[in-house]
Amino acid sequence: MATIICPNRRPQMATVRPRVMRKPAFDSQLQGVVETFTPSPAALTSRVKVITSVKDAQDTTPLTEADVVVTGGRGLQKPETSN
């Protein structure tokens, strides 16, 4: 679809909107190949070490059970300047 080169930073991600590029013509001569990949056990080993796990205190009402929900975005800026 697209070649996106970003040599200065890794990892990268790019998004492309649907129907931005022309669809290639259908070619019935093209054939796909299914390859089997088996990663090494070393590749499956995690380097993350969990030191501790803290559960969130449930001293508030869950959002799904709240009678009123008040939200605000960036437009509010600071509490002192909002109306």
N, C-alpha and C. Protein backbone atom coordinates (compact mmCIF):
# COMPACT_ATOMS: atom_id res chain seq x y z
N MET A 1 0.82 -1.20 0.00
CA MET A 1 0.00 0.00 0.00
C MET A 1 0.86 1.25 0.00
N ALA A 2 1.78 1.35 0.96
CA ALA A 2 2.59 2.56 1.05
C ALA A 2 3.92 2.20 1.71
N THR A 3 4.96 2.88 1.29
CA THR A 3 6.27 2.71 1.93
C THR A 3 6.51 3.94 2.78
N ILE A 4 6.66 3.72 4.07
CA ILE A 4 6.87 4.82 5.00
C ILE A 4 8.22 4.58 5.67
N ILE A 5 9.14 5.50 5.50
CA ILE A 5 10.48 5.35 6.04
C ILE A 5 10.68 6.38 7.14
N CYS A 6 11.04 5.91 8.31
CA CYS A 6 11.31 6.77 9.46
C CYS A 6 12.62 6.28 10.10
N PRO A 7 13.78 6.68 9.56
CA PRO A 7 15.03 6.11 10.04
C PRO A 7 15.48 6.60 11.41
N ASN A 8 14.93 7.69 11.91
CA ASN A 8 15.43 8.29 13.15
C ASN A 8 14.81 7.73 14.42
N ARG A 9 13.63 7.17 14.36
CA ARG A 9 12.95 6.69 15.57
C ARG A 9 12.33 5.32 15.32
N ARG A 10 12.34 4.49 16.34
CA ARG A 10 11.68 3.18 16.27
C ARG A 10 10.90 2.98 17.55
N PRO A 11 9.80 2.32 17.64
CA PRO A 11 8.99 1.85 16.53
C PRO A 11 8.14 2.98 15.94
N GLN A 12 7.65 2.79 14.76
CA GLN A 12 6.78 3.76 14.11
C GLN A 12 5.44 3.13 13.81
N MET A 13 4.48 3.99 13.55
CA MET A 13 3.17 3.54 13.12
C MET A 13 2.63 4.58 12.16
N ALA A 14 1.96 4.15 11.14
CA ALA A 14 1.35 5.08 10.20
C ALA A 14 -0.06 4.61 9.92
N THR A 15 -0.95 5.54 9.70
CA THR A 15 -2.32 5.20 9.34
C THR A 15 -2.63 5.82 7.99
N VAL A 16 -3.43 5.14 7.22
CA VAL A 16 -3.84 5.62 5.91
C VAL A 16 -5.36 5.50 5.85
N ARG A 17 -5.99 6.60 5.45
CA ARG A 17 -7.44 6.57 5.35
C ARG A 17 -7.88 5.64 4.22
N PRO A 18 -9.05 4.99 4.37
CA PRO A 18 -9.54 4.11 3.31
C PRO A 18 -9.81 4.88 2.02
N ARG A 19 -9.59 4.22 0.91
CA ARG A 19 -9.85 4.74 -0.43
C ARG A 19 -9.04 5.99 -0.78
N VAL A 20 -7.88 6.19 -0.12
CA VAL A 20 -7.02 7.31 -0.47
C VAL A 20 -6.17 6.94 -1.68
N MET A 21 -5.74 5.68 -1.76
CA MET A 21 -4.93 5.21 -2.87
C MET A 21 -5.77 4.39 -3.83
N ARG A 22 -5.35 4.34 -5.09
CA ARG A 22 -6.07 3.55 -6.08
C ARG A 22 -5.91 2.07 -5.81
N LYS A 23 -6.98 1.33 -6.00
CA LYS A 23 -6.97 -0.11 -5.83
C LYS A 23 -6.29 -0.73 -7.06
N PRO A 24 -5.32 -1.65 -6.86
CA PRO A 24 -4.68 -2.26 -8.02
C PRO A 24 -5.64 -3.18 -8.76
N ALA A 25 -5.38 -3.37 -10.03
CA ALA A 25 -6.21 -4.26 -10.85
C ALA A 25 -6.02 -5.70 -10.36
N PHE A 26 -7.08 -6.50 -10.44
CA PHE A 26 -7.03 -7.89 -10.00
C PHE A 26 -6.14 -8.69 -10.92
N ASP A 27 -5.25 -9.50 -10.35
CA ASP A 27 -4.35 -10.35 -11.12
C ASP A 27 -4.54 -11.78 -10.64
N SER A 28 -5.17 -12.61 -11.48
CA SER A 28 -5.46 -13.99 -11.08
C SER A 28 -4.20 -14.86 -11.08
N GLN A 29 -3.09 -14.38 -11.63
CA GLN A 29 -1.84 -15.14 -11.67
C GLN A 29 -1.10 -15.11 -10.33
N LEU A 30 -1.41 -14.15 -9.47
CA LEU A 30 -0.72 -14.04 -8.18
C LEU A 30 -1.16 -15.17 -7.25
N GLN A 31 -0.21 -15.77 -6.58
CA GLN A 31 -0.49 -16.86 -5.65
C GLN A 31 0.18 -16.56 -4.32
N GLY A 32 -0.49 -16.82 -3.22
CA GLY A 32 0.07 -16.62 -1.89
C GLY A 32 0.76 -17.87 -1.39
N VAL A 33 1.65 -17.69 -0.43
CA VAL A 33 2.36 -18.81 0.16
C VAL A 33 2.18 -18.72 1.68
N VAL A 34 1.79 -19.82 2.30
CA VAL A 34 1.63 -19.86 3.74
C VAL A 34 2.90 -20.45 4.33
N GLU A 35 3.54 -19.70 5.21
CA GLU A 35 4.76 -20.15 5.84
C GLU A 35 4.51 -20.36 7.33
N THR A 36 5.10 -21.39 7.89
CA THR A 36 4.97 -21.68 9.32
C THR A 36 6.12 -21.01 10.05
N PHE A 37 5.81 -20.31 11.12
CA PHE A 37 6.83 -19.64 11.92
C PHE A 37 6.75 -20.16 13.34
N THR A 38 7.86 -20.63 13.86
CA THR A 38 7.95 -21.09 15.23
C THR A 38 9.02 -20.26 15.93
N PRO A 39 8.61 -19.36 16.84
CA PRO A 39 9.61 -18.54 17.52
C PRO A 39 10.43 -19.37 18.50
N SER A 40 11.64 -18.91 18.74
CA SER A 40 12.51 -19.61 19.68
C SER A 40 12.00 -19.38 21.11
N PRO A 41 12.26 -20.27 22.04
CA PRO A 41 11.85 -20.07 23.43
C PRO A 41 12.40 -18.78 24.02
N ALA A 42 13.60 -18.37 23.60
CA ALA A 42 14.19 -17.13 24.11
C ALA A 42 13.36 -15.91 23.67
N ALA A 43 12.77 -15.99 22.49
CA ALA A 43 11.96 -14.87 22.01
C ALA A 43 10.65 -14.76 22.78
N LEU A 44 10.21 -15.84 23.38
CA LEU A 44 8.95 -15.84 24.12
C LEU A 44 9.13 -15.48 25.60
N THR A 45 10.37 -15.35 26.03
CA THR A 45 10.64 -15.03 27.42
C THR A 45 10.47 -13.53 27.65
N SER A 46 9.69 -13.18 28.64
CA SER A 46 9.45 -11.77 28.95
C SER A 46 10.57 -11.21 29.80
N ARG A 47 10.94 -9.96 29.52
CA ARG A 47 11.96 -9.29 30.33
C ARG A 47 11.32 -8.39 31.38
N VAL A 48 10.01 -8.47 31.51
CA VAL A 48 9.29 -7.66 32.48
C VAL A 48 9.23 -8.38 33.81
N LYS A 49 9.51 -7.67 34.89
CA LYS A 49 9.45 -8.25 36.23
C LYS A 49 8.45 -7.45 37.03
N VAL A 50 7.38 -8.09 37.49
CA VAL A 50 6.37 -7.43 38.31
C VAL A 50 6.89 -7.36 39.73
N ILE A 51 7.06 -6.14 40.24
CA ILE A 51 7.57 -5.95 41.59
C ILE A 51 6.43 -6.03 42.59
N THR A 52 5.36 -5.31 42.30
CA THR A 52 4.19 -5.35 43.18
C THR A 52 2.96 -5.01 42.37
N SER A 53 1.83 -5.40 42.86
CA SER A 53 0.56 -5.11 42.21
C SER A 53 -0.37 -4.48 43.23
N VAL A 54 -0.93 -3.31 42.89
CA VAL A 54 -1.81 -2.60 43.81
C VAL A 54 -3.17 -2.47 43.16
N LYS A 55 -4.19 -2.97 43.82
CA LYS A 55 -5.54 -2.85 43.29
C LYS A 55 -6.10 -1.48 43.64
N ASP A 56 -6.92 -0.94 42.73
CA ASP A 56 -7.53 0.37 42.92
C ASP A 56 -8.57 0.30 44.03
N ALA A 57 -8.56 1.28 44.89
CA ALA A 57 -9.54 1.33 45.98
C ALA A 57 -10.93 1.63 45.40
N GLN A 58 -11.93 0.95 45.87
CA GLN A 58 -13.29 1.12 45.37
C GLN A 58 -14.11 2.03 46.29
N ASP A 59 -13.58 3.22 46.57
CA ASP A 59 -14.32 4.14 47.43
C ASP A 59 -15.19 5.10 46.63
N THR A 60 -15.30 4.88 45.32
CA THR A 60 -16.15 5.71 44.47
C THR A 60 -17.18 4.84 43.77
N THR A 61 -18.21 5.47 43.27
CA THR A 61 -19.25 4.76 42.53
C THR A 61 -18.73 4.41 41.15
N PRO A 62 -18.92 3.19 40.70
CA PRO A 62 -18.52 2.84 39.34
C PRO A 62 -19.26 3.72 38.33
N LEU A 63 -18.59 4.10 37.27
CA LEU A 63 -19.16 5.00 36.27
C LEU A 63 -20.47 4.45 35.71
N THR A 64 -20.57 3.15 35.55
CA THR A 64 -21.78 2.56 34.98
C THR A 64 -22.97 2.65 35.93
N GLU A 65 -22.73 2.90 37.22
CA GLU A 65 -23.82 2.98 38.19
C GLU A 65 -24.08 4.41 38.67
N ALA A 66 -23.37 5.39 38.12
CA ALA A 66 -23.54 6.77 38.57
C ALA A 66 -24.84 7.36 38.04
N ASP A 67 -25.51 8.19 38.86
CA ASP A 67 -26.71 8.87 38.43
C ASP A 67 -26.37 10.07 37.54
N VAL A 68 -25.30 10.77 37.86
CA VAL A 68 -24.87 11.95 37.10
C VAL A 68 -23.38 11.82 36.82
N VAL A 69 -22.98 12.11 35.58
CA VAL A 69 -21.57 12.10 35.20
C VAL A 69 -21.24 13.49 34.66
N VAL A 70 -20.24 14.13 35.25
CA VAL A 70 -19.80 15.46 34.81
C VAL A 70 -18.40 15.30 34.24
N THR A 71 -18.22 15.73 33.00
CA THR A 71 -16.91 15.61 32.36
C THR A 71 -16.49 16.95 31.79
N GLY A 72 -15.23 17.06 31.46
CA GLY A 72 -14.71 18.28 30.84
C GLY A 72 -13.49 17.94 30.02
N GLY A 73 -13.24 18.75 29.02
CA GLY A 73 -12.09 18.53 28.16
C GLY A 73 -11.10 19.66 28.28
N ARG A 74 -10.26 19.79 27.29
CA ARG A 74 -9.24 20.83 27.29
C ARG A 74 -9.82 22.24 27.30
N GLY A 75 -11.02 22.40 26.81
CA GLY A 75 -11.64 23.72 26.75
C GLY A 75 -11.85 24.34 28.12
N LEU A 76 -11.89 23.53 29.15
CA LEU A 76 -12.08 24.06 30.50
C LEU A 76 -10.84 24.81 30.99
N GLN A 77 -9.68 24.46 30.49
CA GLN A 77 -8.39 25.02 30.89
C GLN A 77 -8.18 24.85 32.39
N LYS A 78 -8.32 25.90 33.17
CA LYS A 78 -8.11 25.82 34.63
C LYS A 78 -9.43 25.99 35.33
N PRO A 79 -9.60 25.42 36.54
CA PRO A 79 -10.85 25.58 37.27
C PRO A 79 -11.16 27.05 37.56
N GLU A 80 -10.13 27.88 37.74
CA GLU A 80 -10.36 29.27 38.07
C GLU A 80 -10.94 30.06 36.89
N THR A 81 -10.65 29.63 35.65
CA THR A 81 -11.08 30.40 34.49
C THR A 81 -12.36 29.86 33.85
N SER A 82 -12.85 28.69 34.30
CA SER A 82 -14.07 28.16 33.70
C SER A 82 -15.30 28.84 34.28
N ASN A 83 -16.36 28.83 33.48
CA ASN A 83 -17.62 29.49 33.91
C ASN A 83 -18.51 28.53 34.63
